[in-house]
């Protein structure tokens, strides 16, 4: 006969799986930042495809466990929402890396590294927020992390003003401007995905507080 503790304990595995998923997303963001800080080297696509493959495998495992687990530590729809949102971070980062590898020579003097640093820090906050889920759904630390995530998003938006001014107002290479804009928007999209994860975590905590 299974005890209640044993039954509920089986639902706790989702904490670990979500934490691994957040770690894979952070790995992809770190690889992007390193790539953009060393533009003299060609991007190593295996760094991005590997992180996304791990994320994809974890996403599939989480979905399978949701089907096979009788009791979950969090609501099933919340786990699935986090699962989906986390997967989109390395997916977007890999898309950036693929496009950047094609046009790197054309945009080599455009500074994407600052935005990549904001992305990496945003994913680091996401890792902390996911880690908070198993700590008893404490609203104060999660609110502080959520505020930090929103501040990073605003900082990233502010950073776009200078390069956009250089590319569109002072520059005379329309193709370069279009390529850079596409790449900047992909980093912005990845940061937005971090915000989405943060919003889901915060709503979970509010719902259970």
Protein backbone atom coordinates (compact mmCIF):
# COMPACT_ATOMS: atom_id res chain seq x y z
CA UNK A 1 0.00 0.00 0.00
CA UNK A 2 1.29 3.45 -0.92
CA UNK A 3 1.31 6.19 1.67
CA UNK A 4 0.05 9.67 0.85
CA UNK A 5 3.61 10.94 1.17
CA UNK A 6 4.75 8.46 -1.48
CA UNK A 7 1.95 9.43 -3.83
CA UNK A 8 2.53 13.17 -3.46
CA UNK A 9 6.28 12.68 -3.64
CA UNK A 10 5.91 11.40 -7.17
CA UNK A 11 4.55 14.79 -8.18
CA UNK A 12 7.67 16.51 -6.88
CA UNK A 13 9.73 15.21 -9.81
CA UNK A 14 8.30 18.03 -11.90
CA UNK A 15 10.31 20.53 -9.86
CA UNK A 16 13.52 18.82 -10.90
CA UNK A 17 12.49 18.50 -14.54
CA UNK A 18 11.51 22.16 -14.75
CA UNK A 19 14.79 23.16 -13.08
CA UNK A 20 16.73 21.12 -15.64
CA UNK A 21 14.73 22.78 -18.39
CA UNK A 22 15.56 26.25 -17.06
CA UNK A 23 19.23 25.26 -16.80
CA UNK A 24 19.25 24.18 -20.47
CA UNK A 25 17.75 27.54 -21.44
CA UNK A 26 20.45 29.31 -19.43
CA UNK A 27 23.11 27.23 -21.16
CA UNK A 28 21.88 28.40 -24.58
CA UNK A 29 21.82 32.06 -23.49
CA UNK A 30 25.36 31.75 -22.12
CA UNK A 31 26.56 30.25 -25.40
CA UNK A 32 24.98 33.14 -27.30
CA UNK A 33 26.63 35.75 -25.12
CA UNK A 34 30.03 34.09 -25.54
CA UNK A 35 29.56 33.89 -29.30
CA UNK A 36 28.68 37.56 -29.61
CA UNK A 37 31.54 38.66 -27.37
CA UNK A 38 34.02 36.86 -29.63
CA UNK A 39 32.88 37.80 -33.12
CA UNK A 40 36.26 36.80 -34.57
CA UNK A 41 35.17 33.17 -34.16
CA UNK A 42 32.42 31.48 -36.12
CA UNK A 43 29.40 30.40 -34.05
CA UNK A 44 29.54 26.79 -32.89
CA UNK A 45 26.05 25.63 -33.77
CA UNK A 46 26.43 22.47 -31.69
CA UNK A 47 26.36 24.64 -28.56
CA UNK A 48 22.88 25.85 -29.48
CA UNK A 49 21.45 22.73 -31.06
CA UNK A 50 22.66 20.66 -28.10
CA UNK A 51 20.95 22.92 -25.56
CA UNK A 52 17.74 22.92 -27.57
CA UNK A 53 17.85 19.13 -27.96
CA UNK A 54 18.14 18.72 -24.18
CA UNK A 55 15.28 21.18 -23.70
CA UNK A 56 13.16 19.32 -26.25
CA UNK A 57 13.82 15.99 -24.55
CA UNK A 58 12.92 17.44 -21.17
CA UNK A 59 9.75 19.00 -22.60
CA UNK A 60 8.71 15.62 -23.98
CA UNK A 61 9.50 13.93 -20.67
CA UNK A 62 7.45 16.47 -18.72
CA UNK A 63 4.48 15.99 -21.06
CA UNK A 64 4.76 12.22 -20.73
CA UNK A 65 5.02 12.40 -16.95
CA UNK A 66 1.91 14.57 -16.81
CA UNK A 67 0.00 11.77 -18.50
CA UNK A 68 1.42 9.05 -16.26
CA UNK A 69 1.42 10.82 -12.87
CA UNK A 70 -1.69 10.62 -10.72
CA UNK A 71 -0.82 13.53 -8.40
CA UNK A 72 1.26 16.56 -9.33
CA UNK A 73 2.89 19.10 -7.02
CA UNK A 74 1.51 21.95 -9.15
CA UNK A 75 -1.61 22.19 -11.29
CA UNK A 76 -1.16 20.29 -14.53
CA UNK A 77 -2.00 23.28 -16.70
CA UNK A 78 0.63 25.37 -14.90
CA UNK A 79 3.31 22.72 -15.43
CA UNK A 80 2.41 22.47 -19.11
CA UNK A 81 2.46 26.26 -19.49
CA UNK A 82 5.90 26.48 -17.90
CA UNK A 83 7.09 23.56 -19.99
CA UNK A 84 6.01 25.28 -23.21
CA UNK A 85 7.38 28.70 -22.24
CA UNK A 86 10.78 27.35 -21.18
CA UNK A 87 11.18 25.40 -24.41
CA UNK A 88 10.71 28.55 -26.48
CA UNK A 89 13.79 30.26 -24.99
CA UNK A 90 16.53 28.00 -26.47
CA UNK A 91 14.40 27.55 -29.59
CA UNK A 92 14.53 31.31 -30.20
CA UNK A 93 18.22 31.52 -29.30
CA UNK A 94 19.05 28.75 -31.78
CA UNK A 95 17.08 30.58 -34.47
CA UNK A 96 19.19 33.70 -33.80
CA UNK A 97 22.41 31.67 -34.00
CA UNK A 98 21.38 30.08 -37.29
CA UNK A 99 20.66 33.43 -38.92
CA UNK A 100 23.67 35.13 -37.38
CA UNK A 101 26.00 32.42 -38.70
CA UNK A 102 24.81 33.22 -42.24
CA UNK A 103 25.18 37.03 -42.07
CA UNK A 104 27.92 37.41 -39.43
CA UNK A 105 30.36 39.10 -41.81
CA UNK A 106 27.75 41.64 -42.87
CA UNK A 107 26.83 42.67 -39.31
CA UNK A 108 30.13 42.03 -37.53
CA UNK A 109 30.44 45.64 -36.31
CA UNK A 110 26.92 45.68 -34.82
CA UNK A 111 26.97 45.22 -31.06
CA UNK A 112 24.58 42.41 -30.17
CA UNK A 113 26.61 41.38 -27.12
CA UNK A 114 25.03 43.89 -24.73
CA UNK A 115 21.56 42.58 -25.46
CA UNK A 116 22.82 39.02 -25.18
CA UNK A 117 24.11 39.85 -21.68
CA UNK A 118 20.64 41.10 -20.75
CA UNK A 119 19.17 37.88 -22.12
CA UNK A 120 21.61 35.73 -20.14
CA UNK A 121 20.82 37.61 -16.95
CA UNK A 122 17.10 37.31 -17.66
CA UNK A 123 17.40 33.55 -18.03
CA UNK A 124 19.42 33.46 -14.80
CA UNK A 125 16.47 35.13 -13.06
CA UNK A 126 14.17 32.55 -14.64
CA UNK A 127 16.37 29.78 -13.19
CA UNK A 128 15.98 31.36 -9.74
CA UNK A 129 12.21 31.72 -10.16
CA UNK A 130 11.79 28.08 -11.19
CA UNK A 131 13.92 27.12 -8.20
CA UNK A 132 11.55 29.03 -5.93
CA UNK A 133 8.65 26.74 -6.83
CA UNK A 134 9.87 23.97 -4.54
CA UNK A 135 10.55 26.42 -1.70
CA UNK A 136 6.93 26.74 -0.65
CA UNK A 137 5.63 29.28 -3.19
CA UNK A 138 6.86 32.31 -1.25
CA UNK A 139 5.44 35.48 -2.73
CA UNK A 140 8.05 38.02 -1.56
CA UNK A 141 11.17 36.50 -3.17
CA UNK A 142 9.23 35.67 -6.34
CA UNK A 143 7.91 39.25 -6.56
CA UNK A 144 11.48 40.59 -6.27
CA UNK A 145 12.63 38.29 -9.04
CA UNK A 146 9.65 39.28 -11.17
CA UNK A 147 10.49 42.96 -10.69
CA UNK A 148 14.10 42.25 -11.67
CA UNK A 149 12.93 40.48 -14.82
CA UNK A 150 10.77 43.44 -15.81
CA UNK A 151 13.66 45.84 -15.16
CA UNK A 152 15.93 43.77 -17.41
CA UNK A 153 13.32 43.82 -20.17
CA UNK A 154 13.13 47.63 -19.94
CA UNK A 155 16.93 47.86 -19.95
CA UNK A 156 17.08 45.75 -23.09
CA UNK A 157 14.56 47.99 -24.83
CA UNK A 158 16.59 51.07 -23.89
CA UNK A 159 19.75 49.54 -25.31
CA UNK A 160 18.16 49.36 -28.76
CA UNK A 161 17.96 53.13 -29.18
CA UNK A 162 21.66 53.75 -29.88
CA UNK A 163 22.18 50.96 -32.46
CA UNK A 164 18.90 51.76 -34.19
CA UNK A 165 19.94 55.41 -34.47
CA UNK A 166 23.29 54.37 -35.95
CA UNK A 167 21.76 51.91 -38.39
CA UNK A 168 18.76 53.90 -39.58
CA UNK A 169 19.65 57.56 -39.17
CA UNK A 170 23.41 57.67 -39.59
CA UNK A 171 23.97 54.53 -41.68
CA UNK A 172 23.70 54.11 -45.45
CA UNK A 173 23.52 50.30 -45.71
CA UNK A 174 19.83 49.40 -45.86
CA UNK A 175 20.42 45.65 -46.11
CA UNK A 176 22.69 45.66 -43.06
CA UNK A 177 20.06 47.62 -41.13
CA UNK A 178 17.36 45.09 -42.03
CA UNK A 179 19.53 42.12 -41.08
CA UNK A 180 20.50 43.71 -37.77
CA UNK A 181 16.88 44.58 -37.00
CA UNK A 182 15.82 40.97 -37.57
CA UNK A 183 18.54 39.73 -35.22
CA UNK A 184 17.81 42.31 -32.53
CA UNK A 185 14.15 41.34 -32.63
CA UNK A 186 15.03 37.68 -32.09
CA UNK A 187 17.01 38.52 -28.95
CA UNK A 188 14.10 40.69 -27.82
CA UNK A 189 11.75 37.78 -28.46
CA UNK A 190 13.91 35.49 -26.30
CA UNK A 191 13.85 38.07 -23.49
CA UNK A 192 10.06 38.24 -23.87
CA UNK A 193 9.92 34.46 -23.43
CA UNK A 194 11.77 34.89 -20.13
CA UNK A 195 9.13 37.40 -19.10
CA UNK A 196 6.43 34.88 -20.04
CA UNK A 197 7.99 32.27 -17.75
CA UNK A 198 8.22 34.84 -14.97
CA UNK A 199 4.57 35.79 -15.38
CA UNK A 200 3.52 32.14 -15.16
CA UNK A 201 5.58 31.52 -12.03
CA UNK A 202 4.24 34.68 -10.40
CA UNK A 203 0.64 33.74 -11.22
CA UNK A 204 1.21 30.27 -9.72
CA UNK A 205 2.50 31.80 -6.50
CA UNK A 206 -0.40 34.27 -6.32
CA UNK A 207 -2.92 31.52 -6.94
CA UNK A 208 -1.48 29.36 -4.17
CA UNK A 209 -0.65 32.05 -1.61
